């Protein structure tokens, strides 16, 4: 990336900028008299040099070469001094000795900082020598230069293993590197910025970063953040109107008994529901029609989970089994037996090949989709469990007042979070930083998992003896939602704890809330045998408010052909309704 003419200057002040001409700098603005200029300067809260250099960077990045050169001449500031310009040219040109000279001229402060910067450069040089099949030279760089810059022997061993790559394609794959002709040199330049003072080298795309931070802050203070922020720089972001407008709700009626669980597919195009009527239904979010009715469980369906790729659904039941279904065809693929009591929770482990289940029988089991048990441990009676996005942390709510944390890779116990009442369900934020615990005493508590501290309480809903499953909702999980025994959905602002909405529609206890960002919708299910879809705002992907569109989808119990079930499963002894997931404990 070569700067336009005028990007460097012989009278640099050493900080990447040219000293203003004319002493005070007032005469640089012939269109303004000195008094007006002085007033303008007093009104600005920001350093003039920094503002001008950011403008220079943005003009350069957008290709306004003439304006770039004019602003440098008129302001007396330059974007970069000559050592920085030389560094940029040398990196992009692959002139590694010149890169070292430029870094020496710039000055990197401490020896540790200089070593870290040189390691970035030498690593790129090493990889490019390997790419050119200059193995002897690459080995010398590794032995005589890279090894002197770091004490990380494991990193050095990984680099040395690259010498064995038989081809450039293998090298790029093994090093996760796109080659000298790709973006790797630009990434070196970006990585070096962490080691060069920003006054000397303006961070890459700094103005864009500031714009993004401003919009992110506006989203943070948005009262009910449910729609993506626009990139409009002229106005501040704010989600207008009520959250989950009442008039947009859609009712799905297809189950013949209480609906205990709902889960959106990863792409938000389908919804799966599980019921006390022992069936699951897969719904289309496009027209709210029934895609599949999944039959086969001999007990109530207590939990559902979509695989990360959306190909499979796992259902958990009070009949002590789990079932694997093909989400596209509705075909029953596998039955999993290993629990001795109700299976109360199940979660996929990231690769669509394994999932984990927990039950009231003190068992936590990791399963392979081929039906085999990968690992099993003894645990407390499991009310609910959630797994982190990176599949490293498992949180388990027991039948008392504890949340148990496990290392999910080994299923070894890590620590406890002690609650003030019995924990009925858990929800985990998408970034796995926060956990919501729904308590039997009628409160929701949010935990910061990194600090292991309880941050905030949410209250107002009615919670007694039944399991009600809450969820994070909204863009970036800025909301918290739960059902209630009074038949209403309660929605709070996560940051403030302020109650934003009480959604009316259900007529009996609401058992579960589920959120989908792609659909921009909340789904709820209740003892009134219905499911409600609540678009977050008018015009959301899930909003079916077009004229003539029905807001109630009635589906007869036999409207869809049940998927075939195994005879031996149908012959299993029925589990009493008193042992249902409403678990009266």
Protein backbone atom coordinates (compact mmCIF):
# COMPACT_ATOMS: atom_id res chain seq x y z
CA UNK A 1 0.00 0.00 0.00
CA UNK A 2 2.02 2.98 -1.30
CA UNK A 3 1.08 6.38 0.01
CA UNK A 4 0.13 9.11 -2.46
CA UNK A 5 2.65 11.84 -3.26
CA UNK A 6 3.34 14.13 -0.35
CA UNK A 7 2.98 11.39 2.27
CA UNK A 8 6.43 11.96 3.72
CA UNK A 9 8.32 15.10 4.61
CA UNK A 10 11.86 16.07 5.44
CA UNK A 11 10.87 18.20 8.46
CA UNK A 12 9.15 15.46 10.44
CA UNK A 13 8.80 16.01 14.16
CA UNK A 14 9.65 12.37 14.88
CA UNK A 15 6.13 11.28 15.81
CA UNK A 16 5.01 10.46 12.31
CA UNK A 17 3.91 14.01 11.56
CA UNK A 18 5.39 17.15 10.10
CA UNK A 19 5.82 20.13 12.40
CA UNK A 20 3.30 22.85 11.55
CA UNK A 21 4.70 25.58 9.37
CA UNK A 22 4.66 29.16 10.50
CA UNK A 23 5.13 28.68 14.24
CA UNK A 24 1.62 29.00 15.72
CA UNK A 25 -0.02 27.43 12.71
CA UNK A 26 -2.70 30.12 12.52
CA UNK A 27 -1.57 31.31 9.08
CA UNK A 28 -2.08 27.85 7.60
CA UNK A 29 -5.78 28.64 7.26
CA UNK A 30 -5.95 31.68 4.97
CA UNK A 31 -9.74 31.47 4.79
CA UNK A 32 -10.11 32.18 8.51
CA UNK A 33 -8.90 35.19 10.43
CA UNK A 34 -6.86 34.44 13.53
CA UNK A 35 -9.64 35.23 16.01
CA UNK A 36 -12.14 32.93 14.30
CA UNK A 37 -9.49 30.22 14.13
CA UNK A 38 -8.78 30.61 17.86
CA UNK A 39 -12.50 30.26 18.73
CA UNK A 40 -12.77 27.10 16.60
CA UNK A 41 -9.82 25.56 18.39
CA UNK A 42 -11.34 26.35 21.77
CA UNK A 43 -14.58 24.60 20.85
CA UNK A 44 -12.86 21.32 19.92
CA UNK A 45 -12.28 18.75 22.64
CA UNK A 46 -9.85 16.70 20.57
CA UNK A 47 -6.23 17.11 19.58
CA UNK A 48 -5.94 18.75 16.16
CA UNK A 49 -3.00 16.65 15.02
CA UNK A 50 -4.76 13.37 15.81
CA UNK A 51 -7.97 14.46 14.07
CA UNK A 52 -6.12 15.56 10.95
CA UNK A 53 -4.06 12.38 10.77
CA UNK A 54 -7.20 10.26 11.06
CA UNK A 55 -8.71 12.27 8.20
CA UNK A 56 -5.53 11.73 6.20
CA UNK A 57 -5.70 7.98 6.77
CA UNK A 58 -9.34 7.82 5.72
CA UNK A 59 -8.69 9.91 2.57
CA UNK A 60 -5.79 7.64 1.70
CA UNK A 61 -7.77 4.45 2.26
CA UNK A 62 -10.60 5.73 0.06
CA UNK A 63 -8.26 6.76 -2.74
CA UNK A 64 -8.67 10.55 -2.58
CA UNK A 65 -5.03 11.22 -3.51
CA UNK A 66 -5.40 14.91 -4.38
CA UNK A 67 -7.38 15.71 -1.24
CA UNK A 68 -4.85 13.72 0.79
CA UNK A 69 -1.93 15.74 -0.56
CA UNK A 70 -3.81 19.03 -0.18
CA UNK A 71 -4.69 18.35 3.47
CA UNK A 72 -1.08 17.49 4.25
CA UNK A 73 0.15 20.72 2.69
CA UNK A 74 -2.54 22.90 4.25
CA UNK A 75 -2.39 21.40 7.76
CA UNK A 76 1.36 20.83 7.96
CA UNK A 77 0.79 17.31 9.30
CA UNK A 78 1.72 14.05 7.58
CA UNK A 79 0.19 10.65 8.04
CA UNK A 80 3.51 8.84 8.40
CA UNK A 81 7.16 9.76 8.68
CA UNK A 82 9.77 8.19 6.42
CA UNK A 83 10.74 5.20 8.68
CA UNK A 84 7.07 4.17 8.91
CA UNK A 85 6.59 4.59 5.17
CA UNK A 86 9.74 2.54 4.60
CA UNK A 87 8.47 -0.16 6.94
CA UNK A 88 5.18 -0.40 5.07
CA UNK A 89 6.86 -0.56 1.64
CA UNK A 90 9.38 -3.14 2.79
CA UNK A 91 6.80 -5.48 4.34
CA UNK A 92 4.49 -5.39 1.35
CA UNK A 93 7.46 -5.86 -0.95
CA UNK A 94 8.93 -8.72 1.07
CA UNK A 95 12.26 -6.92 1.68
CA UNK A 96 12.94 -8.36 5.14
CA UNK A 97 16.42 -6.83 5.78
CA UNK A 98 14.89 -3.41 5.01
CA UNK A 99 12.05 -4.18 7.43
CA UNK A 100 14.59 -4.70 10.23
CA UNK A 101 16.32 -1.43 9.38
CA UNK A 102 13.02 0.42 9.46
CA UNK A 103 12.09 -1.07 12.85
CA UNK A 104 15.50 -0.01 14.20
CA UNK A 105 14.94 3.54 12.93
CA UNK A 106 11.42 3.69 14.42
CA UNK A 107 12.52 2.51 17.86
CA UNK A 108 10.50 -0.11 19.70
CA UNK A 109 11.30 0.71 23.30
CA UNK A 110 12.04 -2.32 25.46
CA UNK A 111 14.06 -5.29 24.27
CA UNK A 112 11.12 -7.63 24.88
CA UNK A 113 8.89 -5.52 22.66
CA UNK A 114 11.58 -5.41 19.97
CA UNK A 115 12.02 -9.19 20.16
CA UNK A 116 8.29 -9.79 19.79
CA UNK A 117 8.12 -7.51 16.75
CA UNK A 118 11.16 -9.13 15.14
CA UNK A 119 9.70 -12.58 15.75
CA UNK A 120 6.63 -11.63 13.70
CA UNK A 121 8.88 -10.50 10.85
CA UNK A 122 11.24 -13.47 11.02
CA UNK A 123 8.38 -15.95 11.09
CA UNK A 124 6.98 -14.48 7.87
CA UNK A 125 10.46 -14.59 6.31
CA UNK A 126 10.83 -18.23 7.39
CA UNK A 127 7.49 -19.20 5.87
CA UNK A 128 8.23 -17.43 2.60
CA UNK A 129 11.58 -19.24 2.32
CA UNK A 130 9.76 -22.55 2.83
CA UNK A 131 7.21 -21.54 0.23
CA UNK A 132 10.07 -20.89 -2.25
CA UNK A 133 11.54 -24.31 -1.26
CA UNK A 134 14.72 -22.67 0.08
CA UNK A 135 14.91 -25.13 2.94
CA UNK A 136 18.52 -24.54 3.98
CA UNK A 137 18.02 -20.79 4.27
CA UNK A 138 14.76 -21.34 6.17
CA UNK A 139 16.53 -23.67 8.60
CA UNK A 140 19.20 -21.03 9.25
CA UNK A 141 16.54 -18.40 9.97
CA UNK A 142 14.88 -20.80 12.40
CA UNK A 143 18.08 -21.84 14.18
CA UNK A 144 20.00 -18.58 14.24
CA UNK A 145 17.30 -15.92 14.40
CA UNK A 146 13.84 -17.12 15.48
CA UNK A 147 15.22 -19.28 18.30
CA UNK A 148 16.94 -16.24 19.85
CA UNK A 149 13.75 -14.19 19.97
CA UNK A 150 11.41 -16.43 21.97
CA UNK A 151 11.47 -18.94 24.81
CA UNK A 152 8.34 -20.66 23.47
CA UNK A 153 9.88 -24.00 22.51
CA UNK A 154 6.52 -25.47 21.50
CA UNK A 155 6.06 -22.72 18.92
CA UNK A 156 9.56 -23.33 17.61
CA UNK A 157 8.87 -27.06 17.37
CA UNK A 158 5.69 -26.36 15.38
CA UNK A 159 7.68 -24.17 13.01
CA UNK A 160 10.41 -26.79 12.62
CA UNK A 161 7.79 -29.39 11.71
CA UNK A 162 6.88 -27.26 8.69
CA UNK A 163 10.25 -28.12 7.16
CA UNK A 164 8.81 -31.57 6.47
CA UNK A 165 5.89 -30.31 4.37
CA UNK A 166 6.22 -31.91 0.92
CA UNK A 167 4.50 -29.09 -0.98
CA UNK A 168 3.50 -25.45 -0.69
CA UNK A 169 -0.14 -26.51 -0.40
CA UNK A 170 0.70 -28.68 2.61
CA UNK A 171 2.73 -25.85 4.10
CA UNK A 172 -0.12 -23.36 3.84
CA UNK A 173 -2.59 -25.82 5.34
CA UNK A 174 -0.29 -26.82 8.22
CA UNK A 175 0.68 -23.23 9.04
CA UNK A 176 -2.84 -21.77 8.51
CA UNK A 177 -1.11 -19.28 6.21
CA UNK A 178 -2.24 -18.07 2.80
CA UNK A 179 1.19 -17.47 1.27
CA UNK A 180 3.23 -14.44 0.23
CA UNK A 181 0.75 -13.60 -2.52
CA UNK A 182 -2.22 -13.67 -0.11
CA UNK A 183 -2.99 -11.41 2.83
CA UNK A 184 -0.16 -12.66 5.04
CA UNK A 185 2.05 -9.58 4.59
CA UNK A 186 -0.85 -7.27 5.42
CA UNK A 187 -1.44 -9.34 8.55
CA UNK A 188 2.23 -8.90 9.50
CA UNK A 189 1.78 -5.14 9.17
CA UNK A 190 -1.33 -5.26 11.36
CA UNK A 191 0.40 -7.46 13.95
CA UNK A 192 3.34 -5.04 14.18
CA UNK A 193 1.02 -2.19 15.06
CA UNK A 194 0.68 -3.61 18.58
CA UNK A 195 4.41 -2.97 19.04
CA UNK A 196 4.66 0.50 17.49
CA UNK A 197 3.36 3.56 19.38
CA UNK A 198 0.11 4.80 17.77
CA UNK A 199 1.54 8.32 17.62
CA UNK A 200 4.07 7.04 15.12
CA UNK A 201 1.83 4.65 13.17
CA UNK A 202 -1.89 5.31 13.18
CA UNK A 203 -3.71 2.01 13.82
CA UNK A 204 -5.17 0.51 10.66
CA UNK A 205 -8.67 1.74 9.78
CA UNK A 206 -8.76 3.77 13.00
CA UNK A 207 -11.70 5.97 12.01
CA UNK A 208 -13.74 2.90 11.04
CA UNK A 209 -12.91 1.41 14.44
CA UNK A 210 -14.12 4.56 16.20
CA UNK A 211 -17.34 4.56 14.18
CA UNK A 212 -17.92 0.93 15.11
CA UNK A 213 -17.27 1.63 18.79
CA UNK A 214 -19.73 4.52 18.74
CA UNK A 215 -22.46 2.36 17.21
CA UNK A 216 -21.69 -0.45 19.67
CA UNK A 217 -22.07 1.97 22.56
CA UNK A 218 -25.39 3.19 21.16
CA UNK A 219 -26.54 -0.44 21.05
CA UNK A 220 -25.45 -0.96 24.65
CA UNK A 221 -27.67 1.85 25.88
CA UNK A 222 -30.56 0.97 23.56
CA UNK A 223 -33.51 0.27 25.84
CA UNK A 224 -34.80 -2.76 23.93
CA UNK A 225 -32.12 -3.84 21.49
CA UNK A 226 -33.83 -6.32 19.16
CA UNK A 227 -32.93 -5.18 15.66
CA UNK A 228 -29.50 -4.93 14.01
CA UNK A 229 -27.96 -1.48 14.09
CA UNK A 230 -27.71 0.31 10.78
CA UNK A 231 -24.39 1.76 9.63
CA UNK A 232 -25.99 5.19 9.29
CA UNK A 233 -23.55 7.72 10.75
CA UNK A 234 -25.99 10.62 10.65
CA UNK A 235 -28.29 9.38 13.44
CA UNK A 236 -27.85 7.47 16.66
CA UNK A 237 -29.12 3.90 16.82
CA UNK A 238 -32.30 3.28 18.82
CA UNK A 239 -34.84 0.48 18.52
CA UNK A 240 -38.13 2.34 18.36
CA UNK A 241 -41.52 1.02 19.37
CA UNK A 242 -42.42 -1.67 21.90
CA UNK A 243 -40.38 -4.85 22.11
CA UNK A 244 -42.28 -7.88 20.72
CA UNK A 245 -45.41 -5.99 19.60
CA UNK A 246 -48.52 -7.80 20.84
CA UNK A 247 -50.33 -7.46 17.53
CA UNK A 248 -47.66 -9.46 15.65
CA UNK A 249 -47.93 -12.68 17.67
CA UNK A 250 -48.79 -15.92 15.87
CA UNK A 251 -50.38 -18.97 17.52
CA UNK A 252 -49.44 -22.54 16.57
CA UNK A 253 -51.91 -25.22 17.65
CA UNK A 254 -51.06 -28.81 16.84
CA UNK A 255 -50.36 -30.64 20.09
CA UNK A 256 -53.10 -32.39 22.06
CA UNK A 257 -51.55 -31.78 25.47
CA UNK A 258 -49.22 -29.38 27.28
CA UNK A 259 -46.22 -28.20 25.25
CA UNK A 260 -43.06 -28.47 27.34
CA UNK A 261 -40.23 -27.45 25.06
CA UNK A 262 -39.44 -25.53 21.86
CA UNK A 263 -36.16 -24.98 20.02
CA UNK A 264 -35.31 -23.05 16.85
CA UNK A 265 -33.12 -24.54 14.14
CA UNK A 266 -29.72 -22.81 13.85
CA UNK A 267 -30.84 -20.90 10.74
CA UNK A 268 -34.15 -19.86 12.30
CA UNK A 269 -36.18 -21.40 9.47
CA UNK A 270 -37.79 -24.13 11.58
CA UNK A 271 -39.05 -24.65 15.10
CA UNK A 272 -39.26 -27.99 16.94
CA UNK A 273 -41.70 -28.53 19.81
CA UNK A 274 -42.03 -31.33 22.35
CA UNK A 275 -45.17 -32.14 24.29
CA UNK A 276 -46.79 -34.11 27.05
CA UNK A 277 -48.69 -35.82 24.21
CA UNK A 278 -45.42 -37.78 23.57
CA UNK A 279 -44.82 -36.24 20.14
CA UNK A 280 -42.55 -33.66 18.57
CA UNK A 281 -43.58 -31.34 15.76
CA UNK A 282 -41.26 -29.59 13.34
CA UNK A 283 -42.80 -26.33 12.13
CA UNK A 284 -41.90 -24.13 9.18
CA UNK A 285 -41.26 -20.54 10.21
CA UNK A 286 -42.08 -19.39 6.69
CA UNK A 287 -45.78 -20.29 6.79
CA UNK A 288 -46.11 -21.92 10.24
CA UNK A 289 -47.12 -25.23 8.72
CA UNK A 290 -46.26 -28.65 10.13
CA UNK A 291 -43.26 -30.13 8.36
CA UNK A 292 -43.01 -33.35 10.41
CA UNK A 293 -44.74 -34.96 13.35
CA UNK A 294 -42.23 -37.17 15.16
CA UNK A 295 -43.85 -40.08 17.00
CA UNK A 296 -42.31 -42.95 18.90
CA UNK A 297 -41.67 -41.93 22.48
CA UNK A 298 -43.80 -43.76 25.05
CA UNK A 299 -43.44 -40.91 27.54
CA UNK A 300 -43.72 -37.16 27.56
CA UNK A 301 -41.10 -35.26 25.52
CA UNK A 302 -39.13 -33.13 27.95
CA UNK A 303 -36.34 -31.61 25.86
CA UNK A 304 -35.16 -31.02 22.27
CA UNK A 305 -31.87 -30.01 20.68
CA UNK A 306 -30.93 -29.25 17.07
CA UNK A 307 -27.50 -30.28 15.85
CA UNK A 308 -25.20 -27.36 14.97
CA UNK A 309 -25.54 -28.08 11.25
CA UNK A 310 -29.34 -28.33 11.50
CA UNK A 311 -29.43 -31.90 10.12
CA UNK A 312 -30.58 -33.69 13.27
CA UNK A 313 -32.88 -33.28 16.24
CA UNK A 314 -32.42 -35.11 19.52
CA UNK A 315 -35.48 -35.53 21.72
CA UNK A 316 -35.38 -36.46 25.41
CA UNK A 317 -38.29 -38.10 27.18
CA UNK A 318 -39.77 -39.23 30.45
CA UNK A 319 -39.65 -42.76 28.96
CA UNK A 320 -35.92 -42.69 29.93
CA UNK A 321 -34.72 -42.62 26.31
CA UNK A 322 -33.45 -40.18 23.72
CA UNK A 323 -34.22 -40.36 20.02
CA UNK A 324 -32.30 -39.06 17.03
CA UNK A 325 -34.31 -37.75 14.07
CA UNK A 326 -33.42 -36.65 10.56
CA UNK A 327 -34.68 -33.05 10.54
CA UNK A 328 -35.14 -32.99 6.78
CA UNK A 329 -37.07 -36.24 6.34
CA UNK A 330 -38.51 -36.78 9.82
CA UNK A 331 -37.01 -40.28 9.86
CA UNK A 332 -36.22 -41.89 13.21
CA UNK A 333 -32.52 -42.79 13.10
CA UNK A 334 -31.57 -44.09 16.54
CA UNK A 335 -32.84 -44.72 20.07
CA UNK A 336 -30.48 -44.18 23.00
CA UNK A 337 -30.96 -46.17 26.21
CA UNK A 338 -28.82 -45.66 29.28
CA UNK A 339 -30.80 -43.54 31.71
CA UNK A 340 -32.88 -45.05 34.51
CA UNK A 341 -35.20 -42.10 35.06
CA UNK A 342 -36.53 -39.08 33.15
CA UNK A 343 -34.00 -37.53 30.75
CA UNK A 344 -34.25 -33.88 31.70
CA UNK A 345 -31.76 -32.22 29.33
CA UNK A 346 -29.62 -32.76 26.24
CA UNK A 347 -27.11 -30.64 24.32
CA UNK A 348 -25.00 -31.09 21.19
CA UNK A 349 -21.25 -30.83 21.51
CA UNK A 350 -20.43 -28.72 18.49
CA UNK A 351 -19.62 -31.26 15.79
CA UNK A 352 -23.06 -32.81 15.08
CA UNK A 353 -21.52 -36.21 15.90
CA UNK A 354 -21.86 -36.19 19.69
CA UNK A 355 -24.33 -34.92 22.26
CA UNK A 356 -24.67 -35.00 26.02
CA UNK A 357 -27.66 -35.86 28.19
CA UNK A 358 -28.50 -35.53 31.86
CA UNK A 359 -31.26 -37.11 33.89
CA UNK A 360 -32.91 -37.44 37.26
CA UNK A 361 -30.99 -40.72 37.67
CA UNK A 362 -27.72 -38.94 38.63
CA UNK A 363 -26.18 -39.67 35.23
CA UNK A 364 -24.51 -37.45 32.64
CA UNK A 365 -23.77 -39.31 29.40
CA UNK A 366 -21.91 -38.31 26.25
CA UNK A 367 -23.29 -40.16 23.23
CA UNK A 368 -22.11 -40.75 19.70
CA UNK A 369 -24.81 -40.47 17.06
CA UNK A 370 -24.16 -44.14 16.21
CA UNK A 371 -25.76 -45.06 19.54
CA UNK A 372 -22.68 -45.78 21.64
CA UNK A 373 -21.81 -44.21 24.99
CA UNK A 374 -18.57 -42.20 24.72
CA UNK A 375 -18.32 -41.28 28.40
CA UNK A 376 -20.51 -41.43 31.51
CA UNK A 377 -20.18 -39.95 34.99
CA UNK A 378 -22.20 -39.90 38.18
CA UNK A 379 -23.66 -36.50 38.96
CA UNK A 380 -26.39 -34.82 40.99
CA UNK A 381 -29.98 -35.16 39.79
CA UNK A 382 -29.97 -32.96 36.70
CA UNK A 383 -32.67 -30.33 36.37
CA UNK A 384 -30.97 -28.65 33.43
CA UNK A 385 -27.58 -28.16 31.86
CA UNK A 386 -25.92 -25.82 29.36
CA UNK A 387 -22.64 -26.07 27.45
CA UNK A 388 -20.33 -23.24 26.38
CA UNK A 389 -19.96 -22.43 22.70
CA UNK A 390 -16.39 -23.74 22.66
CA UNK A 391 -17.52 -27.00 24.31
CA UNK A 392 -15.11 -26.55 27.21
CA UNK A 393 -17.53 -25.76 30.05
CA UNK A 394 -20.63 -27.61 31.21
CA UNK A 395 -22.99 -26.12 33.82
CA UNK A 396 -25.42 -28.45 35.59
CA UNK A 397 -28.32 -27.38 37.81
CA UNK A 398 -29.10 -29.96 40.49
CA UNK A 399 -32.32 -30.56 42.42
CA UNK A 400 -31.17 -28.36 45.28
CA UNK A 401 -29.59 -24.92 44.99
CA UNK A 402 -26.24 -25.54 43.30
CA UNK A 403 -24.87 -25.05 39.81
CA UNK A 404 -22.02 -27.46 39.15
CA UNK A 405 -19.31 -26.56 36.61
CA UNK A 406 -17.46 -29.31 34.73
CA UNK A 407 -14.61 -29.38 32.26
CA UNK A 408 -16.58 -30.65 29.29
CA UNK A 409 -13.57 -32.20 27.57
CA UNK A 410 -12.91 -34.54 30.50
CA UNK A 411 -16.17 -34.29 32.51
CA UNK A 412 -14.12 -33.45 35.61
CA UNK A 413 -15.63 -31.23 38.29
CA UNK A 414 -14.36 -27.61 38.42
CA UNK A 415 -16.40 -25.55 40.88
CA UNK A 416 -19.84 -24.79 42.35
CA UNK A 417 -22.02 -21.72 42.16
CA UNK A 418 -24.27 -21.58 45.20
CA UNK A 419 -27.76 -20.22 44.71
CA UNK A 420 -30.32 -18.99 47.22
CA UNK A 421 -33.08 -21.37 46.15
CA UNK A 422 -33.69 -24.46 44.04
CA UNK A 423 -32.51 -23.98 40.46
CA UNK A 424 -35.19 -24.97 37.95
CA UNK A 425 -33.44 -24.12 34.67
CA UNK A 426 -30.37 -22.48 33.13
CA UNK A 427 -29.65 -20.30 30.10
CA UNK A 428 -26.24 -19.37 28.71
CA UNK A 429 -25.39 -16.30 26.64
CA UNK A 430 -24.04 -16.88 23.14
CA UNK A 431 -20.56 -15.75 24.18
CA UNK A 432 -20.72 -18.10 27.20
CA UNK A 433 -19.88 -15.25 29.56
CA UNK A 434 -23.19 -15.00 31.41
CA UNK A 435 -25.54 -17.60 32.86
CA UNK A 436 -29.14 -17.12 33.95
CA UNK A 437 -30.46 -19.34 36.74
CA UNK A 438 -34.24 -19.53 37.10
CA UNK A 439 -35.10 -20.15 40.74
CA UNK A 440 -38.07 -21.76 42.36
CA UNK A 441 -38.60 -18.73 44.59
CA UNK A 442 -39.59 -16.54 41.62
CA UNK A 443 -36.32 -14.81 40.71
CA UNK A 444 -33.84 -15.08 37.87
CA UNK A 445 -30.19 -14.51 38.74
CA UNK A 446 -27.51 -13.60 36.21
CA UNK A 447 -23.96 -14.82 36.85
CA UNK A 448 -20.69 -13.55 35.42
CA UNK A 449 -18.92 -16.85 34.85
CA UNK A 450 -15.45 -15.35 34.49
CA UNK A 451 -15.70 -13.65 37.88
CA UNK A 452 -18.03 -16.33 39.32
CA UNK A 453 -20.17 -13.60 40.82
CA UNK A 454 -23.91 -13.00 40.81
CA UNK A 455 -24.53 -9.76 38.96
CA UNK A 456 -28.25 -9.05 38.82
CA UNK A 457 -31.69 -10.34 39.75
CA UNK A 458 -34.84 -10.23 37.60
CA UNK A 459 -38.25 -10.54 39.20
CA UNK A 460 -41.95 -9.87 38.67
CA UNK A 461 -43.06 -13.16 37.14
CA UNK A 462 -44.79 -15.99 39.00
CA UNK A 463 -42.70 -19.10 39.66
CA UNK A 464 -43.77 -21.96 41.91
CA UNK A 465 -43.34 -25.69 41.65
CA UNK A 466 -43.03 -26.12 37.87
CA UNK A 467 -40.01 -26.01 35.58
CA UNK A 468 -40.01 -22.85 33.47
CA UNK A 469 -37.13 -22.38 31.04
CA UNK A 470 -35.80 -18.87 30.44
CA UNK A 471 -33.63 -17.53 27.63
CA UNK A 472 -31.38 -14.69 26.59
CA UNK A 473 -32.95 -12.77 23.71
CA UNK A 474 -32.45 -9.82 21.39
CA UNK A 475 -29.37 -8.77 19.46
CA UNK A 476 -26.19 -9.74 21.34
CA UNK A 477 -28.34 -11.26 24.10
CA UNK A 478 -29.28 -7.83 25.45
CA UNK A 479 -32.63 -9.08 26.79
CA UNK A 480 -33.76 -11.78 29.22
CA UNK A 481 -37.12 -13.52 28.79
CA UNK A 482 -39.05 -16.09 30.77
CA UNK A 483 -42.52 -17.54 31.06
CA UNK A 484 -44.70 -17.41 34.11
CA UNK A 485 -47.42 -19.34 35.87
CA UNK A 486 -49.75 -16.39 35.26
CA UNK A 487 -49.66 -17.08 31.50
CA UNK A 488 -47.55 -14.05 30.57
CA UNK A 489 -44.07 -13.66 29.10
CA UNK A 490 -41.74 -11.30 30.95
CA UNK A 491 -38.92 -9.49 29.13
CA UNK A 492 -36.17 -7.48 30.86
CA UNK A 493 -33.22 -5.38 29.76
CA UNK A 494 -30.20 -7.47 30.69
CA UNK A 495 -27.93 -4.55 31.57
CA UNK A 496 -30.35 -2.66 33.80
CA UNK A 497 -32.78 -5.32 35.00
CA UNK A 498 -35.64 -3.06 33.90
CA UNK A 499 -38.86 -4.86 32.93
CA UNK A 500 -39.61 -3.98 29.31
CA UNK A 501 -42.69 -6.02 28.47
CA UNK A 502 -45.34 -8.40 29.75
CA UNK A 503 -46.64 -10.30 26.74
CA UNK A 504 -50.22 -11.56 26.92
CA UNK A 505 -51.52 -14.44 24.83
CA UNK A 506 -51.21 -17.77 26.62
CA UNK A 507 -53.91 -18.78 29.05
CA UNK A 508 -51.94 -21.18 31.28
CA UNK A 509 -48.43 -21.65 32.66
CA UNK A 510 -45.72 -20.91 30.09
CA UNK A 511 -43.09 -23.64 30.23
CA UNK A 512 -40.33 -22.38 27.94
CA UNK A 513 -39.03 -19.40 26.00
CA UNK A 514 -36.64 -19.70 23.06
CA UNK A 515 -35.00 -16.96 20.99
CA UNK A 516 -33.69 -17.01 17.40
CA UNK A 517 -31.49 -14.21 16.11
CA UNK A 518 -31.90 -15.20 12.43
CA UNK A 519 -35.69 -15.19 12.81
CA UNK A 520 -35.65 -12.20 15.18
CA UNK A 521 -38.38 -13.93 17.16
CA UNK A 522 -39.23 -15.33 20.55
CA UNK A 523 -41.10 -18.64 20.76
CA UNK A 524 -43.05 -19.66 23.85
CA UNK A 525 -44.93 -22.84 24.75
CA UNK A 526 -47.48 -23.43 27.46
CA UNK A 527 -49.83 -25.76 29.25
CA UNK A 528 -52.64 -24.37 27.07
CA UNK A 529 -51.32 -26.73 24.32
CA UNK A 530 -50.20 -23.85 22.10
CA UNK A 531 -47.01 -22.25 20.88
CA UNK A 532 -46.74 -18.51 20.33
CA UNK A 533 -44.31 -16.79 17.96
CA UNK A 534 -43.46 -13.21 18.93
CA UNK A 535 -41.61 -11.23 16.21
CA UNK A 536 -39.27 -8.77 17.90
CA UNK A 537 -40.31 -5.84 15.76
CA UNK A 538 -42.45 -4.97 12.75
CA UNK A 539 -40.66 -6.07 9.61
CA UNK A 540 -38.60 -8.76 11.34
CA UNK A 541 -37.91 -11.95 9.33
CA UNK A 542 -40.57 -13.70 11.42
CA UNK A 543 -43.19 -10.96 10.97
CA UNK A 544 -46.12 -12.33 8.97
CA UNK A 545 -48.27 -9.23 9.26
CA UNK A 546 -48.99 -9.02 5.53
CA UNK A 547 -52.71 -8.60 4.78
CA UNK A 548 -54.57 -11.90 4.62
CA UNK A 549 -51.99 -13.86 6.58
CA UNK A 550 -53.50 -15.95 9.36
CA UNK A 551 -52.20 -15.34 12.87
CA UNK A 552 -53.46 -18.68 14.13
CA UNK A 553 -52.31 -21.99 12.67
CA UNK A 554 -54.62 -24.80 13.70
CA UNK A 555 -53.31 -28.29 13.02
CA UNK A 556 -55.42 -31.35 13.70
CA UNK A 557 -53.79 -34.11 15.71
CA UNK A 558 -53.59 -36.35 12.66
CA UNK A 559 -52.76 -33.63 10.15
CA UNK A 560 -49.27 -34.95 9.50
CA UNK A 561 -48.26 -38.55 8.95
CA UNK A 562 -46.40 -39.80 12.02
CA UNK A 563 -42.86 -41.02 11.48
CA UNK A 564 -42.48 -44.76 11.89
CA UNK A 565 -41.62 -45.98 15.40
CA UNK A 566 -39.94 -49.13 16.61
CA UNK A 567 -42.28 -51.82 17.89
CA UNK A 568 -40.18 -52.52 20.95
CA UNK A 569 -40.25 -48.81 21.87
CA UNK A 570 -44.02 -48.73 21.66
CA UNK A 571 -44.15 -51.78 23.93
CA UNK A 572 -42.18 -50.10 26.68
CA UNK A 573 -44.04 -49.46 29.91
CA UNK A 574 -45.71 -46.08 30.05
CA UNK A 575 -44.32 -43.48 32.39
CA UNK A 576 -46.86 -41.93 34.70
CA UNK A 577 -47.91 -38.38 33.95
CA UNK A 578 -47.14 -37.61 37.57
CA UNK A 579 -43.48 -38.12 36.68
CA UNK A 580 -43.73 -35.38 34.04
CA UNK A 581 -41.24 -32.59 33.51
CA UNK A 582 -43.58 -30.25 35.34
CA UNK A 583 -41.70 -32.34 37.87
CA UNK A 584 -43.61 -31.66 41.03
CA UNK A 585 -40.48 -32.17 43.17
